[in-house]
Amino acid sequence: MPPVSVLATFFLPHGRITRSVWLTRLVIAALACAAFGGLTSAWFGSVGSGVFALLFIWAAFALAAQRLHDVGRSGRALIAVLVPVLGPLWILIQLLRRGADHPNRFGADPASRADYLQVDIAK
C-alpha cells in the first residue's frame, strides 16, 4: 500500500471498518504517537509531544467515525461525547455494536467475504 493510503486509513473518516480493525488501528496509532511523542518531547519539549497528542486525537476520532459508519451512524454522532457521562458511554456502546450485515450509505460490508468458497449442496 502506498504511504498516502496508509495515512488515509488512519486520518480520514471515510468508509467502514470492523470492530477488530478499529481496535487494531487504534492501538497502532496510540503506540506510534506515544513513541514519537516521547521522542519529540526530548528534542522540542511539550510542544513536540503535544503535536503527537493532537495527531492521536484526530486519528481516534477518524477511526471512531469509520466504526460508526459500520453500524449505520454518521460521524457527527461523536458530538455526543460532549454530554457528561452518558455521551461517552453511548458512543462506546455504538462502537462495540455489531456492524450492519449489508451495504449501507457509507459503503459495502467490510466483514463480508465475497471471495469465500460457496458450495451449493442442493444439487
PDB file of N, CA and C in Angstrom:
ATOM      1  N   MET A   1       0.840  -1.176   0.000  1.00  0.00           N
ATOM      2  CA  MET A   1       0.000   0.000   0.000  1.00  0.00           C
ATOM      3  C   MET A   1       0.891   1.246   0.000  1.00  0.00           C
ATOM      4  N   PRO A   2       0.570   2.222  -0.827  1.00  0.00           N
ATOM      5  CA  PRO A   2       1.344   3.472  -0.808  1.00  0.00           C
ATOM      6  C   PRO A   2       1.168   4.197   0.523  1.00  0.00           C
ATOM      7  N   PRO A   3       2.184   4.979   0.922  1.00  0.00           N
ATOM      8  CA  PRO A   3       2.104   5.674   2.211  1.00  0.00           C
ATOM      9  C   PRO A   3       0.897   6.599   2.337  1.00  0.00           C
ATOM     10  N   VAL A   4       0.465   7.182   1.228  1.00  0.00           N
ATOM     11  CA  VAL A   4      -0.687   8.092   1.296  1.00  0.00           C
ATOM     12  C   VAL A   4      -1.944   7.336   1.697  1.00  0.00           C
ATOM     13  N   SER A   5      -2.143   6.137   1.155  1.00  0.00           N
ATOM     14  CA  SER A   5      -3.348   5.383   1.505  1.00  0.00           C
ATOM     15  C   SER A   5      -3.282   4.842   2.932  1.00  0.00           C
ATOM     16  N   VAL A   6      -2.081   4.565   3.436  1.00  0.00           N
ATOM     17  CA  VAL A   6      -1.947   4.132   4.823  1.00  0.00           C
ATOM     18  C   VAL A   6      -2.345   5.282   5.749  1.00  0.00           C
ATOM     19  N   LEU A   7      -1.866   6.467   5.457  1.00  0.00           N
ATOM     20  CA  LEU A   7      -2.241   7.628   6.260  1.00  0.00           C
ATOM     21  C   LEU A   7      -3.730   7.917   6.150  1.00  0.00           C
ATOM     22  N   ALA A   8      -4.299   7.713   4.973  1.00  0.00           N
ATOM     23  CA  ALA A   8      -5.727   7.959   4.787  1.00  0.00           C
ATOM     24  C   ALA A   8      -6.569   7.009   5.631  1.00  0.00           C
ATOM     25  N   THR A   9      -6.121   5.763   5.803  1.00  0.00           N
ATOM     26  CA  THR A   9      -6.893   4.815   6.611  1.00  0.00           C
ATOM     27  C   THR A   9      -6.920   5.212   8.075  1.00  0.00           C
ATOM     28  N   PHE A  10      -5.912   5.947   8.517  1.00  0.00           N
ATOM     29  CA  PHE A  10      -5.851   6.361   9.914  1.00  0.00           C
ATOM     30  C   PHE A  10      -6.437   7.752  10.168  1.00  0.00           C
ATOM     31  N   PHE A  11      -6.394   8.629   9.181  1.00  0.00           N
ATOM     32  CA  PHE A  11      -6.727  10.023   9.436  1.00  0.00           C
ATOM     33  C   PHE A  11      -7.933  10.565   8.680  1.00  0.00           C
ATOM     34  N   LEU A  12      -8.538   9.795   7.792  1.00  0.00           N
ATOM     35  CA  LEU A  12      -9.722  10.254   7.069  1.00  0.00           C
ATOM     36  C   LEU A  12     -10.944   9.440   7.493  1.00  0.00           C
ATOM     37  N   PRO A  13     -12.031  10.100   7.826  1.00  0.00           N
ATOM     38  CA  PRO A  13     -13.220   9.380   8.322  1.00  0.00           C
ATOM     39  C   PRO A  13     -14.126   8.879   7.203  1.00  0.00           C
ATOM     40  N   HIS A  14     -13.585   8.138   6.257  1.00  0.00           N
ATOM     41  CA  HIS A  14     -14.372   7.616   5.137  1.00  0.00           C
ATOM     42  C   HIS A  14     -14.409   6.104   5.192  1.00  0.00           C
ATOM     43  N   GLY A  15     -15.528   5.526   4.807  1.00  0.00           N
ATOM     44  CA  GLY A  15     -15.647   4.084   4.732  1.00  0.00           C
ATOM     45  C   GLY A  15     -16.089   3.438   6.038  1.00  0.00           C
ATOM     46  N   ARG A  16     -16.027   2.115   6.032  1.00  0.00           N
ATOM     47  CA  ARG A  16     -16.470   1.311   7.173  1.00  0.00           C
ATOM     48  C   ARG A  16     -15.350   0.386   7.599  1.00  0.00           C
ATOM     49  N   ILE A  17     -15.247   0.125   8.905  1.00  0.00           N
ATOM     50  CA  ILE A  17     -14.281  -0.842   9.414  1.00  0.00           C
ATOM     51  C   ILE A  17     -14.946  -1.701  10.491  1.00  0.00           C
ATOM     52  N   THR A  18     -14.443  -2.908  10.641  1.00  0.00           N
ATOM     53  CA  THR A  18     -14.984  -3.825  11.644  1.00  0.00           C
ATOM     54  C   THR A  18     -14.431  -3.474  13.024  1.00  0.00           C
ATOM     55  N   ARG A  19     -14.987  -4.129  14.043  1.00  0.00           N
ATOM     56  CA  ARG A  19     -14.531  -3.875  15.413  1.00  0.00           C
ATOM     57  C   ARG A  19     -13.059  -4.233  15.595  1.00  0.00           C
ATOM     58  N   SER A  20     -12.643  -5.359  15.063  1.00  0.00           N
ATOM     59  CA  SER A  20     -11.252  -5.786  15.248  1.00  0.00           C
ATOM     60  C   SER A  20     -10.281  -4.857  14.523  1.00  0.00           C
ATOM     61  N   VAL A  21     -10.639  -4.422  13.331  1.00  0.00           N
ATOM     62  CA  VAL A  21      -9.791  -3.483  12.592  1.00  0.00           C
ATOM     63  C   VAL A  21      -9.727  -2.150  13.328  1.00  0.00           C
ATOM     64  N   TRP A  22     -10.866  -1.704  13.861  1.00  0.00           N
ATOM     65  CA  TRP A  22     -10.908  -0.443  14.621  1.00  0.00           C
ATOM     66  C   TRP A  22      -9.968  -0.506  15.816  1.00  0.00           C
ATOM     67  N   LEU A  23     -10.068  -1.576  16.585  1.00  0.00           N
ATOM     68  CA  LEU A  23      -9.243  -1.705  17.777  1.00  0.00           C
ATOM     69  C   LEU A  23      -7.766  -1.829  17.424  1.00  0.00           C
ATOM     70  N   THR A  24      -7.453  -2.593  16.389  1.00  0.00           N
ATOM     71  CA  THR A  24      -6.066  -2.755  15.959  1.00  0.00           C
ATOM     72  C   THR A  24      -5.466  -1.430  15.522  1.00  0.00           C
ATOM     73  N   ARG A  25      -6.198  -0.693  14.691  1.00  0.00           N
ATOM     74  CA  ARG A  25      -5.688   0.599  14.217  1.00  0.00           C
ATOM     75  C   ARG A  25      -5.573   1.605  15.354  1.00  0.00           C
ATOM     76  N   LEU A  26      -6.484   1.553  16.307  1.00  0.00           N
ATOM     77  CA  LEU A  26      -6.422   2.468  17.448  1.00  0.00           C
ATOM     78  C   LEU A  26      -5.183   2.192  18.300  1.00  0.00           C
ATOM     79  N   VAL A  27      -4.877   0.926  18.523  1.00  0.00           N
ATOM     80  CA  VAL A  27      -3.686   0.562  19.298  1.00  0.00           C
ATOM     81  C   VAL A  27      -2.415   0.952  18.544  1.00  0.00           C
ATOM     82  N   ILE A  28      -2.387   0.724  17.237  1.00  0.00           N
ATOM     83  CA  ILE A  28      -1.220   1.107  16.437  1.00  0.00           C
ATOM     84  C   ILE A  28      -1.015   2.616  16.485  1.00  0.00           C
ATOM     85  N   ALA A  29      -2.093   3.381  16.335  1.00  0.00           N
ATOM     86  CA  ALA A  29      -1.983   4.844  16.387  1.00  0.00           C
ATOM     87  C   ALA A  29      -1.515   5.302  17.762  1.00  0.00           C
ATOM     88  N   ALA A  30      -2.021   4.683  18.816  1.00  0.00           N
ATOM     89  CA  ALA A  30      -1.627   5.064  20.172  1.00  0.00           C
ATOM     90  C   ALA A  30      -0.148   4.778  20.411  1.00  0.00           C
ATOM     91  N   LEU A  31       0.308   3.611  20.009  1.00  0.00           N
ATOM     92  CA  LEU A  31       1.719   3.259  20.210  1.00  0.00           C
ATOM     93  C   LEU A  31       2.646   4.151  19.389  1.00  0.00           C
ATOM     94  N   ALA A  32       2.279   4.395  18.136  1.00  0.00           N
ATOM     95  CA  ALA A  32       3.117   5.243  17.282  1.00  0.00           C
ATOM     96  C   ALA A  32       3.171   6.677  17.804  1.00  0.00           C
ATOM     97  N   CYS A  33       2.025   7.217  18.176  1.00  0.00           N
ATOM     98  CA  CYS A  33       2.001   8.594  18.678  1.00  0.00           C
ATOM     99  C   CYS A  33       2.706   8.712  20.025  1.00  0.00           C
ATOM    100  N   ALA A  34       2.599   7.692  20.868  1.00  0.00           N
ATOM    101  CA  ALA A  34       3.306   7.724  22.157  1.00  0.00           C
ATOM    102  C   ALA A  34       4.813   7.660  21.944  1.00  0.00           C
ATOM    103  N   ALA A  35       5.251   6.803  21.028  1.00  0.00           N
ATOM    104  CA  ALA A  35       6.684   6.666  20.768  1.00  0.00           C
ATOM    105  C   ALA A  35       7.259   7.953  20.182  1.00  0.00           C
ATOM    106  N   PHE A  36       6.617   8.458  19.129  1.00  0.00           N
ATOM    107  CA  PHE A  36       7.128   9.674  18.503  1.00  0.00           C
ATOM    108  C   PHE A  36       6.926  10.895  19.393  1.00  0.00           C
ATOM    109  N   GLY A  37       5.870  10.898  20.182  1.00  0.00           N
ATOM    110  CA  GLY A  37       5.648  11.995  21.124  1.00  0.00           C
ATOM    111  C   GLY A  37       6.720  12.042  22.188  1.00  0.00           C
ATOM    112  N   GLY A  38       7.119  10.880  22.684  1.00  0.00           N
ATOM    113  CA  GLY A  38       8.196  10.813  23.664  1.00  0.00           C
ATOM    114  C   GLY A  38       9.529  11.243  23.073  1.00  0.00           C
ATOM    115  N   LEU A  39       9.760  10.846  21.835  1.00  0.00           N
ATOM    116  CA  LEU A  39      10.997  11.216  21.155  1.00  0.00           C
ATOM    117  C   LEU A  39      11.074  12.717  20.908  1.00  0.00           C
ATOM    118  N   THR A  40       9.987  13.282  20.416  1.00  0.00           N
ATOM    119  CA  THR A  40       9.999  14.717  20.129  1.00  0.00           C
ATOM    120  C   THR A  40       9.939  15.569  21.392  1.00  0.00           C
ATOM    121  N   SER A  41       9.416  15.026  22.480  1.00  0.00           N
ATOM    122  CA  SER A  41       9.411  15.807  23.717  1.00  0.00           C
ATOM    123  C   SER A  41      10.829  15.980  24.253  1.00  0.00           C
ATOM    124  N   ALA A  42      11.700  15.014  23.967  1.00  0.00           N
ATOM    125  CA  ALA A  42      13.099  15.144  24.376  1.00  0.00           C
ATOM    126  C   ALA A  42      13.799  16.240  23.575  1.00  0.00           C
ATOM    127  N   TRP A  43      13.379  16.436  22.333  1.00  0.00           N
ATOM    128  CA  TRP A  43      14.013  17.442  21.481  1.00  0.00           C
ATOM    129  C   TRP A  43      13.347  18.808  21.586  1.00  0.00           C
ATOM    130  N   PHE A  44      12.004  18.825  21.570  1.00  0.00           N
ATOM    131  CA  PHE A  44      11.278  20.095  21.475  1.00  0.00           C
ATOM    132  C   PHE A  44      10.447  20.428  22.708  1.00  0.00           C
ATOM    133  N   GLY A  45      10.472  19.578  23.706  1.00  0.00           N
ATOM    134  CA  GLY A  45       9.701  19.839  24.919  1.00  0.00           C
ATOM    135  C   GLY A  45       8.236  19.454  24.752  1.00  0.00           C
ATOM    136  N   SER A  46       7.383  20.135  25.489  1.00  0.00           N
ATOM    137  CA  SER A  46       5.968  19.769  25.490  1.00  0.00           C
ATOM    138  C   SER A  46       5.271  20.081  24.170  1.00  0.00           C
ATOM    139  N   VAL A  47       5.826  20.968  23.371  1.00  0.00           N
ATOM    140  CA  VAL A  47       5.231  21.272  22.062  1.00  0.00           C
ATOM    141  C   VAL A  47       5.323  20.049  21.154  1.00  0.00           C
ATOM    142  N   GLY A  48       6.462  19.385  21.190  1.00  0.00           N
ATOM    143  CA  GLY A  48       6.642  18.196  20.353  1.00  0.00           C
ATOM    144  C   GLY A  48       5.696  17.079  20.727  1.00  0.00           C
ATOM    145  N   SER A  49       5.546  16.834  22.020  1.00  0.00           N
ATOM    146  CA  SER A  49       4.628  15.778  22.434  1.00  0.00           C
ATOM    147  C   SER A  49       3.180  16.194  22.235  1.00  0.00           C
ATOM    148  N   GLY A  50       2.906  17.496  22.332  1.00  0.00           N
ATOM    149  CA  GLY A  50       1.545  17.989  22.104  1.00  0.00           C
ATOM    150  C   GLY A  50       1.077  17.785  20.680  1.00  0.00           C
ATOM    151  N   VAL A  51       1.992  17.913  19.734  1.00  0.00           N
ATOM    152  CA  VAL A  51       1.645  17.698  18.323  1.00  0.00           C
ATOM    153  C   VAL A  51       1.198  16.257  18.107  1.00  0.00           C
ATOM    154  N   PHE A  52       1.929  15.317  18.693  1.00  0.00           N
ATOM    155  CA  PHE A  52       1.560  13.910  18.512  1.00  0.00           C
ATOM    156  C   PHE A  52       0.327  13.536  19.323  1.00  0.00           C
ATOM    157  N   ALA A  53       0.075  14.241  20.416  1.00  0.00           N
ATOM    158  CA  ALA A  53      -1.173  14.022  21.157  1.00  0.00           C
ATOM    159  C   ALA A  53      -2.360  14.464  20.309  1.00  0.00           C
ATOM    160  N   LEU A  54      -2.227  15.591  19.627  1.00  0.00           N
ATOM    161  CA  LEU A  54      -3.301  16.061  18.732  1.00  0.00           C
ATOM    162  C   LEU A  54      -3.483  15.115  17.547  1.00  0.00           C
ATOM    163  N   LEU A  55      -2.376  14.593  17.019  1.00  0.00           N
ATOM    164  CA  LEU A  55      -2.480  13.620  15.923  1.00  0.00           C
ATOM    165  C   LEU A  55      -3.226  12.367  16.370  1.00  0.00           C
ATOM    166  N   PHE A  56      -2.963  11.910  17.591  1.00  0.00           N
ATOM    167  CA  PHE A  56      -3.670  10.735  18.096  1.00  0.00           C
ATOM    168  C   PHE A  56      -5.157  11.024  18.262  1.00  0.00           C
ATOM    169  N   ILE A  57      -5.493  12.191  18.799  1.00  0.00           N
ATOM    170  CA  ILE A  57      -6.906  12.544  18.964  1.00  0.00           C
ATOM    171  C   ILE A  57      -7.598  12.582  17.613  1.00  0.00           C
ATOM    172  N   TRP A  58      -6.933  13.164  16.609  1.00  0.00           N
ATOM    173  CA  TRP A  58      -7.504  13.209  15.255  1.00  0.00           C
ATOM    174  C   TRP A  58      -7.712  11.789  14.725  1.00  0.00           C
ATOM    175  N   ALA A  59      -6.702  10.927  14.871  1.00  0.00           N
ATOM    176  CA  ALA A  59      -6.811   9.557  14.383  1.00  0.00           C
ATOM    177  C   ALA A  59      -7.910   8.799  15.123  1.00  0.00           C
ATOM    178  N   ALA A  60      -8.013   9.001  16.434  1.00  0.00           N
ATOM    179  CA  ALA A  60      -9.038   8.308  17.214  1.00  0.00           C
ATOM    180  C   ALA A  60     -10.439   8.713  16.760  1.00  0.00           C
ATOM    181  N   PHE A  61     -10.645  10.003  16.495  1.00  0.00           N
ATOM    182  CA  PHE A  61     -11.955  10.447  16.022  1.00  0.00           C
ATOM    183  C   PHE A  61     -12.236   9.943  14.603  1.00  0.00           C
ATOM    184  N   ALA A  62     -11.232   9.938  13.731  1.00  0.00           N
ATOM    185  CA  ALA A  62     -11.433   9.433  12.368  1.00  0.00           C
ATOM    186  C   ALA A  62     -11.756   7.939  12.384  1.00  0.00           C
ATOM    187  N   LEU A  63     -11.044   7.172  13.200  1.00  0.00           N
ATOM    188  CA  LEU A  63     -11.315   5.736  13.294  1.00  0.00           C
ATOM    189  C   LEU A  63     -12.679   5.472  13.926  1.00  0.00           C
ATOM    190  N   ALA A  64     -13.064   6.282  14.906  1.00  0.00           N
ATOM    191  CA  ALA A  64     -14.386   6.125  15.520  1.00  0.00           C
ATOM    192  C   ALA A  64     -15.480   6.439  14.510  1.00  0.00           C
ATOM    193  N   ALA A  65     -15.258   7.437  13.664  1.00  0.00           N
ATOM    194  CA  ALA A  65     -16.248   7.758  12.628  1.00  0.00           C
ATOM    195  C   ALA A  65     -16.379   6.605  11.638  1.00  0.00           C
ATOM    196  N   GLN A  66     -15.253   6.000  11.256  1.00  0.00           N
ATOM    197  CA  GLN A  66     -15.314   4.846  10.355  1.00  0.00           C
ATOM    198  C   GLN A  66     -16.071   3.692  11.010  1.00  0.00           C
ATOM    199  N   ARG A  67     -15.847   3.495  12.286  1.00  0.00           N
ATOM    200  CA  ARG A  67     -16.542   2.421  13.014  1.00  0.00           C
ATOM    201  C   ARG A  67     -18.034   2.718  13.120  1.00  0.00           C
ATOM    202  N   LEU A  68     -18.382   3.982  13.391  1.00  0.00           N
ATOM    203  CA  LEU A  68     -19.799   4.353  13.454  1.00  0.00           C
ATOM    204  C   LEU A  68     -20.471   4.167  12.100  1.00  0.00           C
ATOM    205  N   HIS A  69     -19.735   4.377  11.015  1.00  0.00           N
ATOM    206  CA  HIS A  69     -20.300   4.146   9.689  1.00  0.00           C
ATOM    207  C   HIS A  69     -20.709   2.688   9.523  1.00  0.00           C
ATOM    208  N   ASP A  70     -19.968   1.773  10.147  1.00  0.00           N
ATOM    209  CA  ASP A  70     -20.300   0.353  10.020  1.00  0.00           C
ATOM    210  C   ASP A  70     -21.607   0.018  10.712  1.00  0.00           C
ATOM    211  N   VAL A  71     -21.958   0.734  11.764  1.00  0.00           N
ATOM    212  CA  VAL A  71     -23.236   0.470  12.440  1.00  0.00           C
ATOM    213  C   VAL A  71     -24.355   1.351  11.891  1.00  0.00           C
ATOM    214  N   GLY A  72     -24.057   2.127  10.846  1.00  0.00           N
ATOM    215  CA  GLY A  72     -25.089   2.913  10.181  1.00  0.00           C
ATOM    216  C   GLY A  72     -25.265   4.321  10.719  1.00  0.00           C
ATOM    217  N   ARG A  73     -24.344   4.797  11.534  1.00  0.00           N
ATOM    218  CA  ARG A  73     -24.441   6.148  12.094  1.00  0.00           C
ATOM    219  C   ARG A  73     -23.407   7.051  11.435  1.00  0.00           C
ATOM    220  N   SER A  74     -23.715   8.322  11.407  1.00  0.00           N
ATOM    221  CA  SER A  74     -22.796   9.312  10.866  1.00  0.00           C
ATOM    222  C   SER A  74     -21.711   9.610  11.897  1.00  0.00           C
ATOM    223  N   GLY A  75     -20.580  10.112  11.426  1.00  0.00           N
ATOM    224  CA  GLY A  75     -19.514  10.524  12.324  1.00  0.00           C
ATOM    225  C   GLY A  75     -19.915  11.697  13.194  1.00  0.00           C
ATOM    226  N   ARG A  76     -20.955  12.396  12.779  1.00  0.00           N
ATOM    227  CA  ARG A  76     -21.458  13.520  13.581  1.00  0.00           C
ATOM    228  C   ARG A  76     -21.999  13.064  14.930  1.00  0.00           C
ATOM    229  N   ALA A  77     -22.268  11.792  15.073  1.00  0.00           N
ATOM    230  CA  ALA A  77     -22.747  11.261  16.352  1.00  0.00           C
ATOM    231  C   ALA A  77     -21.688  11.383  17.440  1.00  0.00           C
ATOM    232  N   LEU A  78     -20.439  11.621  17.046  1.00  0.00           N
ATOM    233  CA  LEU A  78     -19.365  11.781  18.029  1.00  0.00           C
ATOM    234  C   LEU A  78     -19.548  13.034  18.878  1.00  0.00           C
ATOM    235  N   ILE A  79     -20.427  13.927  18.462  1.00  0.00           N
ATOM    236  CA  ILE A  79     -20.728  15.115  19.260  1.00  0.00           C
ATOM    237  C   ILE A  79     -21.309  14.697  20.611  1.00  0.00           C
ATOM    238  N   ALA A  80     -21.884  13.527  20.680  1.00  0.00           N
ATOM    239  CA  ALA A  80     -22.468  13.032  21.936  1.00  0.00           C
ATOM    240  C   ALA A  80     -21.425  12.892  23.035  1.00  0.00           C
ATOM    241  N   VAL A  81     -20.142  12.844  22.674  1.00  0.00           N
ATOM    242  CA  VAL A  81     -19.081  12.745  23.670  1.00  0.00           C
ATOM    243  C   VAL A  81     -19.099  13.958  24.597  1.00  0.00           C
ATOM    244  N   LEU A  82     -19.631  15.063  24.127  1.00  0.00           N
ATOM    245  CA  LEU A  82     -19.664  16.289  24.924  1.00  0.00           C
ATOM    246  C   LEU A  82     -20.670  16.225  26.069  1.00  0.00           C
ATOM    247  N   VAL A  83     -21.620  15.295  26.008  1.00  0.00           N
ATOM    248  CA  VAL A  83     -22.595  15.131  27.093  1.00  0.00           C
ATOM    249  C   VAL A  83     -21.915  14.359  28.219  1.00  0.00           C
ATOM    250  N   PRO A  84     -21.840  14.923  29.418  1.00  0.00           N
ATOM    251  CA  PRO A  84     -21.127  14.246  30.509  1.00  0.00           C
ATOM    252  C   PRO A  84     -21.711  12.869  30.816  1.00  0.00           C
ATOM    253  N   VAL A  85     -20.861  11.929  31.060  1.00  0.00           N
ATOM    254  CA  VAL A  85     -21.113  10.542  31.466  1.00  0.00           C
ATOM    255  C   VAL A  85     -21.897   9.752  30.423  1.00  0.00           C
ATOM    256  N   LEU A  86     -23.110  10.148  30.102  1.00  0.00           N
ATOM    257  CA  LEU A  86     -23.942   9.367  29.186  1.00  0.00           C
ATOM    258  C   LEU A  86     -23.444   9.417  27.740  1.00  0.00           C
ATOM    259  N   GLY A  87     -22.904  10.536  27.317  1.00  0.00           N
ATOM    260  CA  GLY A  87     -22.422  10.672  25.943  1.00  0.00           C
ATOM    261  C   GLY A  87     -21.304   9.702  25.615  1.00  0.00           C
ATOM    262  N   PRO A  88     -20.205   9.707  26.385  1.00  0.00           N
ATOM    263  CA  PRO A  88     -19.135   8.742  26.097  1.00  0.00           C
ATOM    264  C   PRO A  88     -19.583   7.292  26.246  1.00  0.00           C
ATOM    265  N   LEU A  89     -20.464   7.021  27.185  1.00  0.00           N
ATOM    266  CA  LEU A  89     -20.971   5.661  27.368  1.00  0.00           C
ATOM    267  C   LEU A  89     -21.776   5.218  26.154  1.00  0.00           C
ATOM    268  N   TRP A  90     -22.623   6.106  25.642  1.00  0.00           N
ATOM    269  CA  TRP A  90     -23.428   5.790  24.461  1.00  0.00           C
ATOM    270  C   TRP A  90     -22.533   5.562  23.246  1.00  0.00           C
ATOM    271  N   ILE A  91     -21.513   6.412  23.078  1.00  0.00           N
ATOM    272  CA  ILE A  91     -20.591   6.249  21.946  1.00  0.00           C
ATOM    273  C   ILE A  91     -19.849   4.919  22.059  1.00  0.00           C
ATOM    274  N   LEU A  92     -19.400   4.562  23.250  1.00  0.00           N
ATOM    275  CA  LEU A  92     -18.703   3.293  23.435  1.00  0.00           C
ATOM    276  C   LEU A  92     -19.600   2.113  23.075  1.00  0.00           C
ATOM    277  N   ILE A  93     -20.851   2.176  23.466  1.00  0.00           N
ATOM    278  CA  ILE A  93     -21.796   1.113  23.109  1.00  0.00           C
ATOM    279  C   ILE A  93     -21.965   1.028  21.595  1.00  0.00           C
ATOM    280  N   GLN A  94     -22.055   2.177  20.933  1.00  0.00           N
ATOM    281  CA  GLN A  94     -22.196   2.197  19.475  1.00  0.00           C
ATOM    282  C   GLN A  94     -20.944   1.630  18.792  1.00  0.00           C
ATOM    283  N   LEU A  95     -19.773   1.963  19.326  1.00  0.00           N
ATOM    284  CA  LEU A  95     -18.528   1.481  18.732  1.00  0.00           C
ATOM    285  C   LEU A  95     -18.367  -0.027  18.892  1.00  0.00           C
ATOM    286  N   LEU A  96     -18.933  -0.588  19.942  1.00  0.00           N
ATOM    287  CA  LEU A  96     -18.790  -2.020  20.198  1.00  0.00           C
ATOM    288  C   LEU A  96     -19.927  -2.865  19.615  1.00  0.00           C
ATOM    289  N   ARG A  97     -20.939  -2.196  19.059  1.00  0.00           N
ATOM    290  CA  ARG A  97     -22.043  -2.936  18.428  1.00  0.00           C
ATOM    291  C   ARG A  97     -21.569  -3.657  17.180  1.00  0.00           C
ATOM    292  N   ARG A  98     -22.314  -4.693  16.828  1.00  0.00           N
ATOM    293  CA  ARG A  98     -22.035  -5.400  15.584  1.00  0.00           C
ATOM    294  C   ARG A  98     -22.450  -4.522  14.410  1.00  0.00           C
ATOM    295  N   GLY A  99     -21.674  -4.540  13.357  1.00  0.00           N
ATOM    296  CA  GLY A  99     -21.969  -3.734  12.179  1.00  0.00           C
ATOM    297  C   GLY A  99     -23.121  -4.288  11.372  1.00  0.00           C
ATOM    298  N   ALA A 100     -23.619  -3.476  10.466  1.00  0.00           N
ATOM    299  CA  ALA A 100     -24.707  -3.895   9.584  1.00  0.00           C
ATOM    300  C   ALA A 100     -24.217  -4.993   8.644  1.00  0.00           C
ATOM    301  N   ASP A 101     -25.069  -6.003   8.412  1.00  0.00           N
ATOM    302  CA  ASP A 101     -24.695  -7.142   7.571  1.00  0.00           C
ATOM    303  C   ASP A 101     -24.878  -6.876   6.082  1.00  0.00           C
ATOM    304  N   HIS A 102     -25.185  -5.679   5.732  1.00  0.00           N
ATOM    305  CA  HIS A 102     -25.467  -5.348   4.340  1.00  0.00           C
ATOM    306  C   HIS A 102     -24.807  -4.015   4.016  1.00  0.00           C
ATOM    307  N   PRO A 103     -24.674  -3.709   2.733  1.00  0.00           N
ATOM    308  CA  PRO A 103     -24.130  -2.395   2.381  1.00  0.00           C
ATOM    309  C   PRO A 103     -25.057  -1.291   2.896  1.00  0.00           C
ATOM    310  N   ASN A 104     -24.482  -0.195   3.311  1.00  0.00           N
ATOM    311  CA  ASN A 104     -25.286   0.955   3.714  1.00  0.00           C
ATOM    312  C   ASN A 104     -24.763   2.196   2.982  1.00  0.00           C
ATOM    313  N   ARG A 105     -25.230   3.354   3.363  1.00  0.00           N
ATOM    314  CA  ARG A 105     -24.862   4.566   2.629  1.00  0.00           C
ATOM    315  C   ARG A 105     -23.383   4.923   2.754  1.00  0.00           C
ATOM    316  N   PHE A 106     -22.651   4.248   3.652  1.00  0.00           N
ATOM    317  CA  PHE A 106     -21.237   4.525   3.845  1.00  0.00           C
ATOM    318  C   PHE A 106     -20.327   3.535   3.124  1.00  0.00           C
ATOM    319  N   GLY A 107     -20.900   2.503   2.508  1.00  0.00           N
ATOM    320  CA  GLY A 107     -20.098   1.554   1.745  1.00  0.00           C
ATOM    321  C   GLY A 107     -20.539   0.116   1.944  1.00  0.00           C
ATOM    322  N   ALA A 108     -19.743  -0.768   1.385  1.00  0.00           N
ATOM    323  CA  ALA A 108     -20.033  -2.202   1.462  1.00  0.00           C
ATOM    324  C   ALA A 108     -19.677  -2.737   2.844  1.00  0.00           C
ATOM    325  N   ASP A 109     -20.232  -3.877   3.174  1.00  0.00           N
ATOM    326  CA  ASP A 109     -19.971  -4.527   4.459  1.00  0.00           C
ATOM    327  C   ASP A 109     -18.514  -4.982   4.503  1.00  0.00           C
ATOM    328  N   PRO A 110     -17.703  -4.463   5.437  1.00  0.00           N
ATOM    329  CA  PRO A 110     -16.294  -4.860   5.471  1.00  0.00           C
ATOM    330  C   PRO A 110     -16.083  -6.281   5.976  1.00  0.00           C
ATOM    331  N   ALA A 111     -17.084  -6.877   6.606  1.00  0.00           N
ATOM    332  CA  ALA A 111     -16.944  -8.231   7.131  1.00  0.00           C
ATOM    333  C   ALA A 111     -17.398  -9.292   6.138  1.00  0.00           C
ATOM    334  N   SER A 112     -17.987  -8.881   5.009  1.00  0.00           N
ATOM    335  CA  SER A 112     -18.460  -9.873   4.045  1.00  0.00           C
ATOM    336  C   SER A 112     -17.270 -10.465   3.309  1.00  0.00           C
ATOM    337  N   ARG A 113     -17.422 -11.696   2.943  1.00  0.00           N
ATOM    338  CA  ARG A 113     -16.357 -12.389   2.226  1.00  0.00           C
ATOM    339  C   ARG A 113     -16.892 -12.823   0.881  1.00  0.00           C
ATOM    340  N   ALA A 114     -16.834 -11.935  -0.098  1.00  0.00           N
ATOM    341  CA  ALA A 114     -17.347 -12.235  -1.425  1.00  0.00           C
ATOM    342  C   ALA A 114     -16.493 -13.294  -2.121  1.00  0.00           C
ATOM    343  N   ASP A 115     -15.235 -13.391  -1.771  1.00  0.00           N
ATOM    344  CA  ASP A 115     -14.355 -14.356  -2.415  1.00  0.00           C
ATOM    345  C   ASP A 115     -14.363 -15.720  -1.729  1.00  0.00           C
ATOM    346  N   TYR A 116     -15.188 -15.861  -0.713  1.00  0.00           N
ATOM    347  CA  TYR A 116     -15.247 -17.116   0.040  1.00  0.00           C
ATOM    348  C   TYR A 116     -15.876 -18.202  -0.812  1.00  0.00           C
ATOM    349  N   LEU A 117     -15.369 -19.425  -0.680  1.00  0.00           N
ATOM    350  CA  LEU A 117     -15.865 -20.556  -1.445  1.00  0.00           C
ATOM    351  C   LEU A 117     -17.294 -20.867  -1.050  1.00  0.00           C
ATOM    352  N   GLN A 118     -18.182 -20.878  -2.038  1.00  0.00           N
ATOM    353  CA  GLN A 118     -19.582 -21.187  -1.784  1.00  0.00           C
ATOM    354  C   GLN A 118     -19.907 -22.512  -2.472  1.00  0.00           C
ATOM    355  N   VAL A 119     -20.496 -23.412  -1.726  1.00  0.00           N
ATOM    356  CA  VAL A 119     -20.845 -24.716  -2.262  1.00  0.00           C
ATOM    357  C   VAL A 119     -22.353 -24.842  -2.250  1.00  0.00           C
ATOM    358  N   ASP A 120     -22.927 -25.214  -3.396  1.00  0.00           N
ATOM    359  CA  ASP A 120     -24.366 -25.415  -3.490  1.00  0.00           C
ATOM    360  C   ASP A 120     -24.646 -26.888  -3.209  1.00  0.00           C
ATOM    361  N   ILE A 121     -25.183 -27.171  -2.026  1.00  0.00           N
ATOM    362  CA  ILE A 121     -25.420 -28.565  -1.643  1.00  0.00           C
ATOM    363  C   ILE A 121     -26.788 -29.076  -2.113  1.00  0.00           C
ATOM    364  N   ALA A 122     -27.554 -28.213  -2.758  1.00  0.00           N
ATOM    365  CA  ALA A 122     -28.882 -28.611  -3.221  1.00  0.00           C
ATOM    366  C   ALA A 122     -28.784 -29.505  -4.461  1.00  0.00           C
ATOM    367  N   LYS A 123     -27.676 -29.472  -5.144  1.00  0.00           N
ATOM    368  CA  LYS A 123     -27.539 -30.270  -6.376  1.00  0.00           C
ATOM    369  C   LYS A 123     -27.044 -31.639  -6.101  1.00  0.00           C
TER     370      LYS A 123
END
